C-alpha atoms as a PDB file:
ATOM      1  CA  MET A   1      89.728  78.808  86.236  1.00  0.00           C
ATOM      2  CA  LEU A   2      92.050  81.133  88.120  1.00  0.00           C
ATOM      3  CA  PRO A   3      90.739  84.445  89.457  1.00  0.00           C
ATOM      4  CA  ALA A   4      91.965  87.605  87.738  1.00  0.00           C
ATOM      5  CA  SER A   5      94.223  88.440  90.699  1.00  0.00           C
ATOM      6  CA  HIS A   6      96.053  85.130  90.316  1.00  0.00           C
ATOM      7  CA  ASP A   7      96.279  85.536  86.567  1.00  0.00           C
ATOM      8  CA  ARG A   8      97.792  89.034  86.854  1.00  0.00           C
ATOM      9  CA  ALA A   9     100.280  87.930  89.512  1.00  0.00           C
ATOM     10  CA  TYR A  10     101.546  84.966  87.480  1.00  0.00           C
ATOM     11  CA  GLN A  11     101.628  86.994  84.259  1.00  0.00           C
ATOM     12  CA  HIS A  12     103.767  89.718  85.832  1.00  0.00           C
ATOM     13  CA  PHE A  13     105.987  87.139  87.553  1.00  0.00           C
ATOM     14  CA  LEU A  14     106.454  85.443  84.167  1.00  0.00           C
ATOM     15  CA  THR A  15     107.425  88.779  82.610  1.00  0.00           C
ATOM     16  CA  LEU A  16     109.986  89.494  85.349  1.00  0.00           C
ATOM     17  CA  LEU A  17     111.490  86.021  85.041  1.00  0.00           C
ATOM     18  CA  THR A  18     111.676  86.271  81.247  1.00  0.00           C
ATOM     19  CA  GLU A  19     113.389  89.662  81.419  1.00  0.00           C
ATOM     20  CA  PHE A  20     115.892  88.309  83.948  1.00  0.00           C
ATOM     21  CA  ASN A  21     116.560  85.253  81.790  1.00  0.00           C
ATOM     22  CA  ASN A  22     117.038  87.440  78.703  1.00  0.00           C
ATOM     23  CA  TYR A  23     119.525  89.592  80.608  1.00  0.00           C
ATOM     24  CA  LEU A  24     121.513  86.507  81.600  1.00  0.00           C
ATOM     25  CA  VAL A  25     121.542  85.178  78.028  1.00  0.00           C
ATOM     26  CA  VAL A  26     122.515  88.465  76.376  1.00  0.00           C
ATOM     27  CA  THR A  27     125.278  89.313  78.851  1.00  0.00           C
ATOM     28  CA  ASP A  28     126.468  85.728  79.283  1.00  0.00           C
ATOM     29  CA  HIS A  29     130.202  86.422  79.687  1.00  0.00           C
ATOM     30  CA  LYS A  30     130.024  89.944  81.120  1.00  0.00           C
ATOM     31  CA  ILE A  31     127.539  89.453  83.931  1.00  0.00           C
ATOM     32  CA  GLU A  32     128.015  91.807  86.847  1.00  0.00           C
ATOM     33  CA  GLN A  33     127.210  90.388  90.252  1.00  0.00           C
ATOM     34  CA  SER A  34     125.674  93.652  91.471  1.00  0.00           C
ATOM     35  CA  LEU A  35     123.272  93.788  88.508  1.00  0.00           C
ATOM     36  CA  VAL A  36     122.250  90.161  88.989  1.00  0.00           C
ATOM     37  CA  ASN A  37     121.542  90.897  92.659  1.00  0.00           C
ATOM     38  CA  GLN A  38     119.631  94.052  91.789  1.00  0.00           C
ATOM     39  CA  ARG A  39     117.455  92.327  89.208  1.00  0.00           C
ATOM     40  CA  PHE A  40     116.882  89.343  91.453  1.00  0.00           C
ATOM     41  CA  GLN A  41     115.811  91.572  94.348  1.00  0.00           C
ATOM     42  CA  LYS A  42     113.108  93.085  92.139  1.00  0.00           C
ATOM     43  CA  ILE A  43     111.815  89.600  91.302  1.00  0.00           C
ATOM     44  CA  SER A  44     112.108  88.487  94.905  1.00  0.00           C
ATOM     45  CA  ARG A  45     110.030  91.430  96.163  1.00  0.00           C
ATOM     46  CA  TRP A  46     107.305  90.677  93.613  1.00  0.00           C
ATOM     47  CA  TYR A  47     107.378  86.999  94.522  1.00  0.00           C
ATOM     48  CA  GLU A  48     107.056  87.689  98.245  1.00  0.00           C
ATOM     49  CA  GLU A  49     104.399  90.393  97.903  1.00  0.00           C
ATOM     50  CA  GLN A  50     102.287  88.809  95.186  1.00  0.00           C
ATOM     51  CA  ILE A  51     102.925  85.120  94.526  1.00  0.00           C
ATOM     52  CA  LEU A  52     103.370  83.937  98.104  1.00  0.00           C
ATOM     53  CA  GLN A  53     100.251  85.856  99.136  1.00  0.00           C
ATOM     54  CA  LEU A  54      97.998  83.958  96.745  1.00  0.00           C
ATOM     55  CA  ASP A  55      95.697  81.404  98.275  1.00  0.00           C
ATOM     56  CA  ASN A  56      93.241  78.851  96.994  1.00  0.00           C
ATOM     57  CA  TRP A  57      90.080  79.982  98.749  1.00  0.00           C
ATOM     58  CA  GLU A  58      88.774  81.637  95.559  1.00  0.00           C
ATOM     59  CA  LEU A  59      89.572  78.645  93.372  1.00  0.00           C
ATOM     60  CA  GLU A  60      87.148  76.064  92.088  1.00  0.00           C
ATOM     61  CA  ALA A  61      87.511  72.749  93.868  1.00  0.00           C
ATOM     62  CA  ALA A  62      88.465  71.045  90.617  1.00  0.00           C
ATOM     63  CA  ILE A  63      91.669  73.071  90.212  1.00  0.00           C
ATOM     64  CA  SER A  64      92.524  73.806  93.833  1.00  0.00           C
ATOM     65  CA  SER A  65      94.610  70.677  94.307  1.00  0.00           C
ATOM     66  CA  ARG A  66      96.557  71.170  91.081  1.00  0.00           C
ATOM     67  CA  TRP A  67      97.117  74.837  91.943  1.00  0.00           C
ATOM     68  CA  ARG A  68      98.537  73.869  95.361  1.00  0.00           C
ATOM     69  CA  SER A  69     100.893  71.358  93.754  1.00  0.00           C
ATOM     70  CA  VAL A  70     102.236  73.802  91.199  1.00  0.00           C
ATOM     71  CA  GLN A  71     102.421  76.592  93.792  1.00  0.00           C
ATOM     72  CA  THR A  72     104.498  74.283  96.018  1.00  0.00           C
ATOM     73  CA  GLU A  73     106.864  73.602  93.126  1.00  0.00           C
ATOM     74  CA  ILE A  74     107.168  77.333  92.446  1.00  0.00           C
ATOM     75  CA  LYS A  75     108.057  77.921  96.088  1.00  0.00           C
ATOM     76  CA  ARG A  76     110.645  75.122  96.083  1.00  0.00           C
ATOM     77  CA  GLU A  77     112.220  76.243  92.821  1.00  0.00           C
ATOM     78  CA  PHE A  78     112.328  79.877  93.922  1.00  0.00           C
ATOM     79  CA  GLN A  79     114.172  78.874  97.101  1.00  0.00           C
ATOM     80  CA  LEU A  80     116.731  76.991  94.996  1.00  0.00           C
ATOM     81  CA  LEU A  81     117.069  80.025  92.721  1.00  0.00           C
ATOM     82  CA  SER A  82     117.655  82.246  95.761  1.00  0.00           C
ATOM     83  CA  VAL A  83     120.449  79.992  96.994  1.00  0.00           C
ATOM     84  CA  ASP A  84     122.158  79.956  93.602  1.00  0.00           C
ATOM     85  CA  VAL A  85     121.932  83.750  93.311  1.00  0.00           C
ATOM     86  CA  LEU A  86     123.499  83.996  96.772  1.00  0.00           C
ATOM     87  CA  PHE A  87     126.278  81.587  95.794  1.00  0.00           C
ATOM     88  CA  PHE A  88     126.813  83.484  92.541  1.00  0.00           C
ATOM     89  CA  SER A  89     127.179  86.707  94.524  1.00  0.00           C
ATOM     90  CA  SER A  90     129.988  85.230  96.556  1.00  0.00           C
ATOM     91  CA  ALA A  91     131.745  83.441  93.677  1.00  0.00           C
ATOM     92  CA  ARG A  92     135.217  84.671  92.789  1.00  0.00           C
ATOM     93  CA  GLN A  93     136.386  82.146  90.211  1.00  0.00           C
ATOM     94  CA  GLN A  94     135.096  82.666  86.676  1.00  0.00           C
ATOM     95  CA  GLU A  95     134.360  78.952  86.288  1.00  0.00           C
ATOM     96  CA  THR A  96     132.259  78.977  89.467  1.00  0.00           C
ATOM     97  CA  LYS A  97     130.359  82.031  88.244  1.00  0.00           C
ATOM     98  CA  PHE A  98     129.544  80.281  84.954  1.00  0.00           C
ATOM     99  CA  LYS A  99     128.270  77.191  86.811  1.00  0.00           C
ATOM    100  CA  ARG A 100     126.075  79.329  89.047  1.00  0.00           C
ATOM    101  CA  ILE A 101     124.674  81.265  86.100  1.00  0.00           C
ATOM    102  CA  LYS A 102     123.885  77.957  84.384  1.00  0.00           C
ATOM    103  CA  ASN A 103     122.025  76.815  87.530  1.00  0.00           C
ATOM    104  CA  ILE A 104     120.218  80.150  87.788  1.00  0.00           C
ATOM    105  CA  LYS A 105     119.060  79.857  84.160  1.00  0.00           C
ATOM    106  CA  GLU A 106     117.777  76.329  84.809  1.00  0.00           C
ATOM    107  CA  HIS A 107     115.774  77.485  87.837  1.00  0.00           C
ATOM    108  CA  ILE A 108     114.358  80.407  85.871  1.00  0.00           C
ATOM    109  CA  SER A 109     113.352  78.087  83.027  1.00  0.00           C
ATOM    110  CA  LYS A 110     111.503  75.828  85.455  1.00  0.00           C
ATOM    111  CA  LEU A 111     109.775  78.798  87.081  1.00  0.00           C
ATOM    112  CA  ILE A 112     108.754  80.120  83.669  1.00  0.00           C
ATOM    113  CA  GLY A 113     107.292  76.696  82.891  1.00  0.00           C
ATOM    114  CA  TYR A 114     105.323  76.664  86.144  1.00  0.00           C
ATOM    115  CA  CYS A 115     103.934  80.138  85.432  1.00  0.00           C
ATOM    116  CA  GLN A 116     102.912  78.999  81.968  1.00  0.00           C
ATOM    117  CA  ILE A 117     101.143  75.996  83.503  1.00  0.00           C
ATOM    118  CA  MET A 118      99.223  78.314  85.813  1.00  0.00           C
ATOM    119  CA  LEU A 119      98.323  80.677  82.998  1.00  0.00           C
ATOM    120  CA  HIS A 120      97.480  77.845  80.583  1.00  0.00           C
ATOM    121  CA  ASP A 121      95.124  76.312  83.133  1.00  0.00           C
ATOM    122  CA  ASN A 122      93.366  79.654  83.214  1.00  0.00           C
ATOM    123  CA  ASN A 123      92.541  79.624  79.506  1.00  0.00           C
END
């Protein structure tokens, strides 16, 4: 079972990711690069200050290994998301922007799934 600090961190991260995903879905064709960057920076700060700071020393031995695996996947997926947000920011062609947004949504979906795994394992 995850400690309360882990649970809160993943729950808030899940909320931020869901809000970001909803923004991208609702504004699909009118997405402003500055707003995407602004929203992503908020998520990125939370990720760096809360998710990356989590460790497994408080975890039960039975879930520590699984937690490390999922945490590694979260880190990898977040790095890919960061790259796609950066590429989206520099995109000029509408077609390129749409491809980047599609990639961003896929990364967010995976991250949401990983958060749900972490939270599900806690219940």
